[in-house]
N, C-alpha and C. Protein backbone atom coordinates (compact mmCIF):
# COMPACT_ATOMS: atom_id res chain seq x y z
N MET A 1 6.10 -68.99 90.80
CA MET A 1 5.44 -67.93 90.20
C MET A 1 5.52 -66.75 90.74
N SER A 2 6.02 -65.84 89.99
CA SER A 2 6.13 -64.22 90.83
C SER A 2 4.83 -63.63 90.76
N GLU A 3 4.73 -62.67 91.63
CA GLU A 3 3.70 -62.24 92.00
C GLU A 3 3.37 -61.12 91.00
N ALA A 4 2.07 -61.21 90.09
CA ALA A 4 1.66 -60.89 89.11
C ALA A 4 0.69 -59.74 89.09
N THR A 5 0.85 -58.39 88.44
CA THR A 5 -0.12 -57.49 88.08
C THR A 5 -0.81 -57.28 86.94
N HIS A 6 -1.93 -57.55 86.85
CA HIS A 6 -2.81 -57.25 85.59
C HIS A 6 -3.32 -56.15 85.26
N ALA A 7 -2.84 -55.27 84.49
CA ALA A 7 -3.37 -54.08 84.02
C ALA A 7 -4.58 -54.37 83.03
N TYR A 8 -5.67 -54.27 83.29
CA TYR A 8 -6.83 -54.82 82.48
C TYR A 8 -7.43 -53.87 82.06
N VAL A 9 -7.46 -52.52 82.56
CA VAL A 9 -8.18 -51.35 81.85
C VAL A 9 -7.03 -50.22 81.90
N ASP A 10 -6.85 -49.41 80.99
CA ASP A 10 -6.17 -48.01 81.11
C ASP A 10 -6.91 -47.23 79.94
N ILE A 11 -7.67 -46.28 80.70
CA ILE A 11 -8.20 -45.29 79.81
C ILE A 11 -7.52 -43.70 80.00
N THR A 12 -7.26 -43.14 78.95
CA THR A 12 -6.97 -41.56 78.65
C THR A 12 -7.67 -41.03 78.08
N PHE A 13 -8.28 -39.79 78.50
CA PHE A 13 -9.23 -39.11 77.78
C PHE A 13 -9.06 -37.48 78.30
N GLY A 14 -9.54 -36.43 77.51
CA GLY A 14 -9.51 -34.93 77.80
C GLY A 14 -10.43 -34.83 78.86
N PRO A 15 -10.27 -33.90 79.58
CA PRO A 15 -11.29 -33.64 80.80
C PRO A 15 -12.56 -33.39 80.28
N ARG A 16 -13.07 -34.16 79.90
CA ARG A 16 -14.81 -33.89 79.32
C ARG A 16 -15.84 -34.77 80.11
N TRP A 17 -16.69 -33.97 80.62
CA TRP A 17 -17.74 -34.46 81.56
C TRP A 17 -18.64 -35.80 80.69
N LYS A 18 -18.56 -35.83 79.53
CA LYS A 18 -19.34 -36.90 78.82
C LYS A 18 -18.91 -38.32 78.89
N TYR A 19 -17.41 -38.15 79.24
CA TYR A 19 -16.89 -39.34 79.03
C TYR A 19 -16.90 -39.99 80.66
N ILE A 20 -17.34 -39.40 81.69
CA ILE A 20 -17.21 -39.95 83.17
C ILE A 20 -18.33 -41.36 83.20
N SER A 21 -19.54 -41.08 82.62
CA SER A 21 -20.77 -42.33 82.98
C SER A 21 -20.09 -43.29 81.92
N VAL A 22 -19.75 -42.97 81.03
CA VAL A 22 -19.30 -44.18 79.98
C VAL A 22 -18.22 -45.01 80.71
N THR A 23 -17.05 -44.35 81.27
CA THR A 23 -16.18 -45.06 82.00
C THR A 23 -16.71 -45.73 83.23
N ARG A 24 -17.64 -44.89 83.87
CA ARG A 24 -18.09 -45.45 85.23
C ARG A 24 -18.67 -46.74 84.97
N ASN A 25 -19.56 -46.99 83.81
CA ASN A 25 -20.39 -48.18 83.30
C ASN A 25 -19.67 -49.27 82.81
N TYR A 26 -18.61 -48.78 82.14
CA TYR A 26 -17.43 -49.88 81.75
C TYR A 26 -16.72 -50.41 82.94
N VAL A 27 -16.33 -49.50 83.65
CA VAL A 27 -15.67 -50.15 84.88
C VAL A 27 -16.59 -51.21 85.51
N GLN A 28 -17.63 -50.81 85.88
CA GLN A 28 -18.76 -51.53 86.66
C GLN A 28 -19.07 -52.90 85.98
N ASN A 29 -19.28 -52.81 84.67
CA ASN A 29 -19.59 -53.79 84.31
C ASN A 29 -18.19 -54.95 83.95
N PHE A 30 -16.87 -54.15 84.01
CA PHE A 30 -15.98 -55.17 83.53
C PHE A 30 -15.61 -55.94 85.02
N ILE A 31 -15.87 -55.08 86.32
CA ILE A 31 -15.48 -55.87 87.42
C ILE A 31 -16.78 -56.86 87.63
N ALA A 32 -17.84 -56.55 87.43
CA ALA A 32 -18.98 -57.47 87.83
C ALA A 32 -18.99 -58.58 86.98
N VAL A 33 -18.27 -58.67 85.84
CA VAL A 33 -18.26 -60.02 84.91
C VAL A 33 -16.82 -60.72 85.39
N GLY A 34 -16.77 -61.58 86.43
CA GLY A 34 -16.05 -62.59 86.89
C GLY A 34 -14.75 -61.81 87.85
N LEU A 35 -14.83 -60.75 88.00
CA LEU A 35 -13.72 -60.23 89.12
C LEU A 35 -14.35 -60.23 90.75
N ALA A 36 -15.56 -59.41 90.55
CA ALA A 36 -16.05 -59.36 91.95
C ALA A 36 -17.70 -59.53 91.90
N GLY A 37 -18.23 -59.35 92.75
CA GLY A 37 -19.88 -59.26 92.92
C GLY A 37 -20.21 -58.13 92.34
N GLN A 38 -21.56 -57.89 91.97
CA GLN A 38 -22.37 -56.66 91.54
C GLN A 38 -22.29 -55.79 92.46
N SER A 39 -22.62 -55.98 93.86
CA SER A 39 -22.38 -55.02 95.04
C SER A 39 -21.13 -54.38 95.05
N LYS A 40 -19.98 -55.00 94.99
CA LYS A 40 -18.66 -54.44 95.12
C LYS A 40 -18.45 -53.64 93.81
N ALA A 41 -18.79 -54.34 92.59
CA ALA A 41 -18.64 -53.59 91.28
C ALA A 41 -19.31 -52.15 91.42
N ASP A 42 -20.41 -52.07 92.05
CA ASP A 42 -21.29 -51.05 91.92
C ASP A 42 -20.72 -49.94 93.02
N ARG A 43 -19.79 -50.33 93.95
CA ARG A 43 -19.25 -49.34 94.84
C ARG A 43 -18.12 -48.94 94.24
N ILE A 44 -17.46 -49.76 93.75
CA ILE A 44 -16.09 -49.46 93.06
C ILE A 44 -16.35 -48.24 91.56
N ALA A 45 -17.25 -48.57 91.16
CA ALA A 45 -17.81 -47.74 90.12
C ALA A 45 -18.20 -46.16 90.49
N MET A 46 -19.12 -46.50 91.70
CA MET A 46 -19.30 -45.24 92.40
C MET A 46 -17.91 -44.29 92.83
N ALA A 47 -16.93 -45.15 93.26
CA ALA A 47 -15.59 -44.16 93.65
C ALA A 47 -14.91 -43.78 92.45
N VAL A 48 -15.06 -44.78 91.36
CA VAL A 48 -14.20 -44.12 90.20
C VAL A 48 -15.14 -43.07 89.55
N SER A 49 -16.38 -42.75 89.59
CA SER A 49 -17.01 -41.84 89.33
C SER A 49 -16.88 -40.48 90.02
N GLU A 50 -16.50 -40.71 91.38
CA GLU A 50 -16.42 -39.44 92.31
C GLU A 50 -14.78 -38.94 91.64
N LEU A 51 -13.89 -39.79 91.52
CA LEU A 51 -12.70 -39.58 91.38
C LEU A 51 -12.41 -38.64 90.01
N LEU A 52 -13.20 -39.53 88.90
CA LEU A 52 -13.30 -38.62 87.52
C LEU A 52 -13.92 -37.32 87.49
N GLU A 53 -15.04 -37.27 88.14
CA GLU A 53 -15.49 -35.71 88.43
C GLU A 53 -14.66 -35.00 88.93
N ASN A 54 -13.74 -35.14 89.80
CA ASN A 54 -13.02 -33.90 90.46
C ASN A 54 -12.05 -34.14 89.39
N ALA A 55 -11.38 -35.24 89.21
CA ALA A 55 -10.32 -34.89 87.85
C ALA A 55 -10.51 -34.01 86.95
N VAL A 56 -11.89 -34.20 86.42
CA VAL A 56 -12.18 -33.38 85.12
C VAL A 56 -12.54 -31.95 85.81
N LYS A 57 -13.23 -31.84 86.88
CA LYS A 57 -13.43 -30.39 87.34
C LYS A 57 -12.23 -29.43 87.68
N TYR A 58 -11.30 -30.37 88.16
CA TYR A 58 -9.91 -29.45 88.70
C TYR A 58 -9.10 -29.94 87.81
N SER A 59 -8.85 -30.28 86.53
CA SER A 59 -7.88 -30.43 85.56
C SER A 59 -7.33 -29.19 85.06
N ALA A 60 -6.16 -29.25 85.29
CA ALA A 60 -5.34 -27.99 84.64
C ALA A 60 -4.70 -28.28 83.27
N GLY A 61 -4.83 -29.55 83.03
CA GLY A 61 -4.28 -30.17 81.46
C GLY A 61 -5.38 -30.61 80.73
N GLU A 62 -4.99 -31.21 79.78
CA GLU A 62 -5.81 -31.77 78.90
C GLU A 62 -6.05 -33.27 78.73
N GLU A 63 -5.40 -34.04 80.03
CA GLU A 63 -5.61 -35.44 80.00
C GLU A 63 -6.10 -35.99 81.13
N THR A 64 -6.99 -36.82 81.49
CA THR A 64 -7.33 -37.42 82.62
C THR A 64 -7.25 -38.87 82.21
N ARG A 65 -6.56 -39.43 83.16
CA ARG A 65 -6.18 -41.15 82.96
C ARG A 65 -6.75 -41.92 84.14
N ILE A 66 -7.52 -42.99 83.91
CA ILE A 66 -8.03 -44.00 84.92
C ILE A 66 -7.09 -45.25 84.43
N ARG A 67 -6.58 -45.89 85.42
CA ARG A 67 -6.03 -47.37 85.36
C ARG A 67 -6.63 -48.05 86.47
N LEU A 68 -6.92 -49.19 86.28
CA LEU A 68 -7.47 -50.27 86.91
C LEU A 68 -6.54 -51.53 86.53
N GLU A 69 -6.08 -52.10 87.81
CA GLU A 69 -5.36 -53.25 87.86
C GLU A 69 -5.93 -54.43 88.72
N VAL A 70 -5.86 -55.24 88.29
CA VAL A 70 -6.37 -56.44 89.18
C VAL A 70 -5.13 -57.50 89.80
N LYS A 71 -5.02 -57.65 90.86
CA LYS A 71 -4.13 -58.34 91.64
C LYS A 71 -4.66 -59.63 92.20
N PRO A 72 -4.78 -60.50 91.35
CA PRO A 72 -5.71 -61.78 92.02
C PRO A 72 -4.78 -62.51 93.15
N GLU A 73 -3.55 -62.49 93.06
CA GLU A 73 -2.82 -63.17 94.32
C GLU A 73 -3.08 -62.62 95.42
N GLN A 74 -3.39 -61.17 95.41
CA GLN A 74 -3.40 -60.46 96.76
C GLN A 74 -5.05 -60.19 97.07
N GLY A 75 -5.88 -60.45 96.01
CA GLY A 75 -7.11 -60.29 96.21
C GLY A 75 -7.80 -58.96 96.24
N LYS A 76 -6.99 -58.14 95.37
CA LYS A 76 -7.00 -56.70 95.44
C LYS A 76 -7.35 -56.02 93.89
N ILE A 77 -8.22 -55.17 94.10
CA ILE A 77 -8.50 -54.22 92.50
C ILE A 77 -7.95 -52.87 93.18
N VAL A 78 -7.05 -52.31 92.05
CA VAL A 78 -6.40 -51.10 92.38
C VAL A 78 -6.67 -49.91 91.15
N VAL A 79 -7.42 -49.19 91.66
CA VAL A 79 -8.03 -47.86 90.90
C VAL A 79 -6.95 -46.92 91.02
N SER A 80 -6.52 -46.08 90.03
CA SER A 80 -5.70 -44.78 90.07
C SER A 80 -6.35 -43.82 88.92
N VAL A 81 -6.53 -42.89 89.16
CA VAL A 81 -7.07 -41.56 88.31
C VAL A 81 -6.01 -40.71 88.54
N SER A 82 -5.72 -40.15 87.59
CA SER A 82 -4.46 -38.88 87.26
C SER A 82 -5.15 -38.03 86.59
N ASN A 83 -4.57 -36.55 86.94
CA ASN A 83 -4.83 -35.51 86.09
C ASN A 83 -3.70 -34.32 86.76
N THR A 84 -3.46 -33.37 85.73
CA THR A 84 -2.84 -32.29 86.09
C THR A 84 -3.35 -31.18 87.09
N THR A 85 -2.97 -30.75 88.07
CA THR A 85 -3.73 -29.79 88.65
C THR A 85 -2.88 -28.31 88.72
N ASP A 86 -3.41 -27.50 89.30
CA ASP A 86 -2.58 -26.19 89.45
C ASP A 86 -1.92 -26.14 90.54
N PRO A 87 -0.80 -25.48 90.60
CA PRO A 87 0.12 -25.56 91.72
C PRO A 87 -0.46 -25.19 93.05
N GLY A 88 -1.71 -23.94 93.04
CA GLY A 88 -1.92 -23.72 94.19
C GLY A 88 -3.12 -24.55 94.79
N ARG A 89 -3.68 -25.82 94.25
CA ARG A 89 -4.44 -26.42 94.87
C ARG A 89 -3.68 -27.74 95.74
N GLU A 90 -2.42 -27.92 95.36
CA GLU A 90 -1.52 -29.04 95.89
C GLU A 90 -1.83 -28.96 97.50
N GLU A 91 -1.46 -27.99 97.82
CA GLU A 91 -1.78 -28.07 99.54
C GLU A 91 -3.12 -28.12 100.27
N GLU A 92 -4.11 -27.90 99.40
CA GLU A 92 -5.54 -28.35 99.48
C GLU A 92 -5.76 -29.53 99.55
N LEU A 93 -5.22 -30.43 98.30
CA LEU A 93 -5.23 -31.81 98.10
C LEU A 93 -4.74 -32.39 99.47
N ARG A 94 -3.54 -31.81 99.60
CA ARG A 94 -2.84 -32.62 101.07
C ARG A 94 -3.45 -32.49 102.35
N ALA A 95 -4.30 -31.62 102.16
CA ALA A 95 -4.81 -31.29 103.75
C ALA A 95 -6.15 -32.24 103.49
N ILE A 96 -7.06 -32.06 102.27
CA ILE A 96 -8.15 -32.87 102.65
C ILE A 96 -7.99 -34.58 102.60
N TYR A 97 -6.76 -34.91 101.83
CA TYR A 97 -6.37 -36.12 101.96
C TYR A 97 -5.70 -36.56 103.51
N LYS A 98 -5.18 -35.84 104.13
CA LYS A 98 -4.94 -36.03 105.50
C LYS A 98 -5.95 -36.35 106.46
N ARG A 99 -6.85 -35.22 106.32
CA ARG A 99 -8.28 -35.30 107.01
C ARG A 99 -8.88 -36.60 106.82
N VAL A 100 -8.98 -36.94 105.50
CA VAL A 100 -9.89 -38.18 105.05
C VAL A 100 -9.13 -39.29 105.65
N ASN A 101 -7.88 -39.48 105.69
CA ASN A 101 -7.38 -40.62 106.41
C ASN A 101 -7.05 -40.47 107.92
N SER A 102 -7.64 -39.71 108.61
CA SER A 102 -7.45 -39.62 109.82
C SER A 102 -8.73 -40.16 110.80
N GLY A 103 -8.45 -40.95 111.68
CA GLY A 103 -9.73 -41.72 112.42
C GLY A 103 -10.73 -42.35 111.90
N ASP A 104 -11.60 -42.77 112.28
CA ASP A 104 -12.88 -43.63 111.88
C ASP A 104 -13.42 -43.03 110.56
N PRO A 105 -13.33 -43.90 109.39
CA PRO A 105 -13.97 -43.70 108.27
C PRO A 105 -15.61 -42.86 108.13
N LEU A 106 -16.37 -43.66 109.11
CA LEU A 106 -17.75 -43.05 109.03
C LEU A 106 -17.87 -41.41 109.95
N GLN A 107 -17.19 -41.63 111.08
CA GLN A 107 -16.96 -40.32 111.67
C GLN A 107 -16.60 -39.28 111.12
N THR A 108 -15.43 -39.40 110.17
CA THR A 108 -14.72 -38.24 109.45
C THR A 108 -15.87 -38.05 108.28
N PHE A 109 -16.74 -38.95 107.79
CA PHE A 109 -17.53 -38.65 106.67
C PHE A 109 -18.69 -37.64 107.14
N ILE A 110 -19.28 -38.28 108.36
CA ILE A 110 -20.26 -37.44 109.08
C ILE A 110 -19.93 -36.14 109.44
N GLU A 111 -18.50 -35.77 110.14
CA GLU A 111 -18.03 -34.55 110.32
C GLU A 111 -17.90 -33.71 109.33
N MET A 112 -17.37 -34.42 107.89
CA MET A 112 -17.40 -33.66 106.78
C MET A 112 -18.57 -33.04 105.83
N MET A 113 -19.78 -34.09 106.46
CA MET A 113 -20.98 -33.84 105.69
C MET A 113 -21.62 -32.60 106.72
N ARG A 114 -21.37 -32.42 107.93
CA ARG A 114 -21.78 -31.21 108.62
C ARG A 114 -21.16 -30.03 108.13
N GLU A 115 -19.82 -30.07 108.07
CA GLU A 115 -19.33 -28.92 107.35
C GLU A 115 -19.62 -28.44 106.27
N ALA A 116 -19.88 -29.65 105.29
CA ALA A 116 -20.20 -29.18 103.78
C ALA A 116 -21.40 -28.31 103.91
N THR A 117 -22.35 -28.28 104.67
CA THR A 117 -23.77 -27.63 104.79
C THR A 117 -23.46 -25.97 105.33
N THR A 118 -22.14 -25.90 105.66
CA THR A 118 -22.02 -24.42 106.00
C THR A 118 -20.89 -23.78 104.94
N ARG A 119 -20.28 -24.43 104.16
CA ARG A 119 -19.53 -24.10 103.24
C ARG A 119 -20.11 -23.20 102.15
N THR A 120 -19.28 -22.19 101.77
CA THR A 120 -19.76 -21.11 100.75
C THR A 120 -19.09 -21.16 99.40
N ASP A 121 -18.13 -22.00 99.43
CA ASP A 121 -17.34 -22.08 98.26
C ASP A 121 -17.87 -22.85 97.04
N GLY A 122 -18.97 -23.60 97.41
CA GLY A 122 -19.64 -24.61 96.49
C GLY A 122 -18.87 -25.86 96.46
N LYS A 123 -17.90 -26.33 97.30
CA LYS A 123 -17.13 -27.45 97.10
C LYS A 123 -17.59 -28.18 98.53
N SER A 124 -18.11 -29.59 98.34
CA SER A 124 -18.21 -30.10 99.36
C SER A 124 -17.11 -30.90 99.98
N GLN A 125 -16.18 -31.34 99.18
CA GLN A 125 -15.10 -31.90 99.85
C GLN A 125 -15.37 -33.30 100.35
N LEU A 126 -16.39 -34.11 100.05
CA LEU A 126 -16.90 -35.20 100.45
C LEU A 126 -16.48 -36.55 100.04
N GLY A 127 -15.86 -36.47 98.42
CA GLY A 127 -15.49 -37.61 97.74
C GLY A 127 -14.67 -38.54 98.28
N LEU A 128 -13.53 -37.97 98.73
CA LEU A 128 -12.73 -39.12 99.42
C LEU A 128 -13.17 -39.67 100.58
N ALA A 129 -13.75 -38.91 101.58
CA ALA A 129 -14.44 -39.32 102.49
C ALA A 129 -15.66 -40.54 102.31
N ARG A 130 -16.48 -40.14 101.53
CA ARG A 130 -17.31 -40.81 101.05
C ARG A 130 -16.70 -42.20 100.66
N ILE A 131 -15.72 -42.26 99.63
CA ILE A 131 -15.10 -43.49 98.99
C ILE A 131 -14.59 -44.29 100.14
N ARG A 132 -13.83 -43.90 101.04
CA ARG A 132 -13.23 -44.51 102.34
C ARG A 132 -14.31 -45.30 103.06
N HIS A 133 -15.26 -44.41 103.38
CA HIS A 133 -16.40 -44.78 104.17
C HIS A 133 -17.23 -45.97 103.61
N GLU A 134 -17.81 -45.95 102.34
CA GLU A 134 -18.56 -46.70 101.63
C GLU A 134 -17.75 -47.96 100.97
N LEU A 135 -16.44 -47.73 100.47
CA LEU A 135 -15.91 -48.79 99.79
C LEU A 135 -14.84 -49.57 100.74
N GLY A 136 -14.55 -48.77 101.60
CA GLY A 136 -13.42 -49.31 102.69
C GLY A 136 -12.02 -49.42 101.98
N ALA A 137 -12.02 -48.56 101.09
CA ALA A 137 -10.82 -48.45 100.37
C ALA A 137 -9.57 -47.81 101.08
N ASP A 138 -8.27 -48.18 100.97
CA ASP A 138 -7.30 -47.62 101.02
C ASP A 138 -6.78 -46.56 100.13
N ILE A 139 -6.60 -45.39 100.37
CA ILE A 139 -6.34 -44.50 99.61
C ILE A 139 -5.05 -43.63 99.70
N GLN A 140 -4.41 -43.50 98.51
CA GLN A 140 -2.86 -42.87 98.69
C GLN A 140 -3.20 -41.66 97.59
N LEU A 141 -2.42 -40.74 97.93
CA LEU A 141 -2.36 -39.20 97.16
C LEU A 141 -0.73 -39.34 96.94
N ASN A 142 -0.53 -39.06 95.58
CA ASN A 142 0.66 -38.80 95.19
C ASN A 142 0.84 -37.37 93.93
N ILE A 143 1.38 -36.45 94.51
CA ILE A 143 1.46 -35.55 93.73
C ILE A 143 3.01 -35.25 93.28
N SER A 144 3.23 -35.19 91.88
CA SER A 144 4.65 -35.07 91.33
C SER A 144 5.03 -33.73 91.18
N SER A 145 6.36 -33.60 91.10
CA SER A 145 7.11 -32.18 90.97
C SER A 145 6.43 -31.49 89.55
N ASP A 146 5.76 -32.25 88.78
CA ASP A 146 5.23 -31.65 87.67
C ASP A 146 3.66 -31.60 87.70
N HIS A 147 3.25 -31.37 88.86
CA HIS A 147 1.79 -31.25 89.24
C HIS A 147 0.68 -32.36 88.88
N LEU A 148 1.34 -33.74 88.74
CA LEU A 148 0.56 -34.48 88.40
C LEU A 148 -0.10 -35.20 89.64
N VAL A 149 -1.28 -35.38 89.71
CA VAL A 149 -1.96 -35.66 90.93
C VAL A 149 -2.76 -37.05 90.56
N THR A 150 -1.96 -38.17 91.46
CA THR A 150 -2.78 -39.52 91.25
C THR A 150 -3.14 -39.99 92.51
N ILE A 151 -4.67 -40.24 92.43
CA ILE A 151 -5.25 -40.88 93.61
C ILE A 151 -5.42 -42.38 93.49
N THR A 152 -4.94 -42.97 94.32
CA THR A 152 -4.98 -44.71 94.17
C THR A 152 -5.74 -45.24 95.17
N LEU A 153 -6.80 -45.91 95.00
CA LEU A 153 -7.74 -46.69 95.80
C LEU A 153 -7.34 -48.17 95.50
N GLU A 154 -7.18 -48.64 96.90
CA GLU A 154 -6.87 -50.17 96.94
C GLU A 154 -8.03 -50.98 97.40
N VAL A 155 -8.73 -51.75 96.85
CA VAL A 155 -9.93 -52.43 97.40
C VAL A 155 -9.84 -53.71 97.48
N ASP A 156 -10.06 -54.46 99.02
CA ASP A 156 -10.20 -56.15 98.85
C ASP A 156 -11.48 -56.74 98.38
N VAL A 157 -11.00 -57.65 97.39
CA VAL A 157 -12.10 -58.38 96.61
C VAL A 157 -12.03 -59.73 97.02
N GLU A 158 -13.03 -60.74 97.11
CA GLU A 158 -12.85 -62.00 96.48
C GLU A 158 -13.12 -62.14 95.20
N MET A 159 -11.90 -62.63 94.51
CA MET A 159 -12.09 -62.73 93.22
C MET A 159 -12.97 -64.15 92.95
N GLU A 160 -13.63 -63.69 92.03
CA GLU A 160 -14.73 -64.96 91.33
C GLU A 160 -13.99 -65.90 90.48
N GLY A 161 -12.80 -65.68 90.24
CA GLY A 161 -12.49 -66.65 89.38
C GLY A 161 -12.55 -66.40 87.77
N GLU A 162 -11.54 -67.10 87.09
CA GLU A 162 -11.68 -66.67 85.52
C GLU A 162 -12.97 -67.37 84.93
N ALA A 163 -13.51 -66.82 83.89
CA ALA A 163 -14.45 -67.57 83.10
C ALA A 163 -14.39 -67.81 81.96
């Protein structure tokens, strides 16, 4: 049998705040029912909420997309959130991504929390650091030539089996 990827959830919506909590709840319940335990589902839902909030807040287009894939053979859940960004934000995103993925997740999160207290631009830049620390997710950033930003989280889970 070849390695299968099962795309269970694929949601696209305009950058609207009101859809974030609904999507978070849906993802949380979906994962908790037969895929992973409630604690893991809660943490993945937190990460989804963080990513969606940033996608909506910084979107330069009319579309935000979340895709949730389950890879049972690998024991992984993969969540991707995409939106279009302003070209001027791309380097900032790359710098945040590089910073978040360097060093120990807890130490990076603590350092970034300290820095957030002195920022004057109203941006904490803590979302990805929090996700990496609290969820233990591998995080990938992809920015295409048409300014589509996709942040992908890969989370190890013990699948609870099909119900």
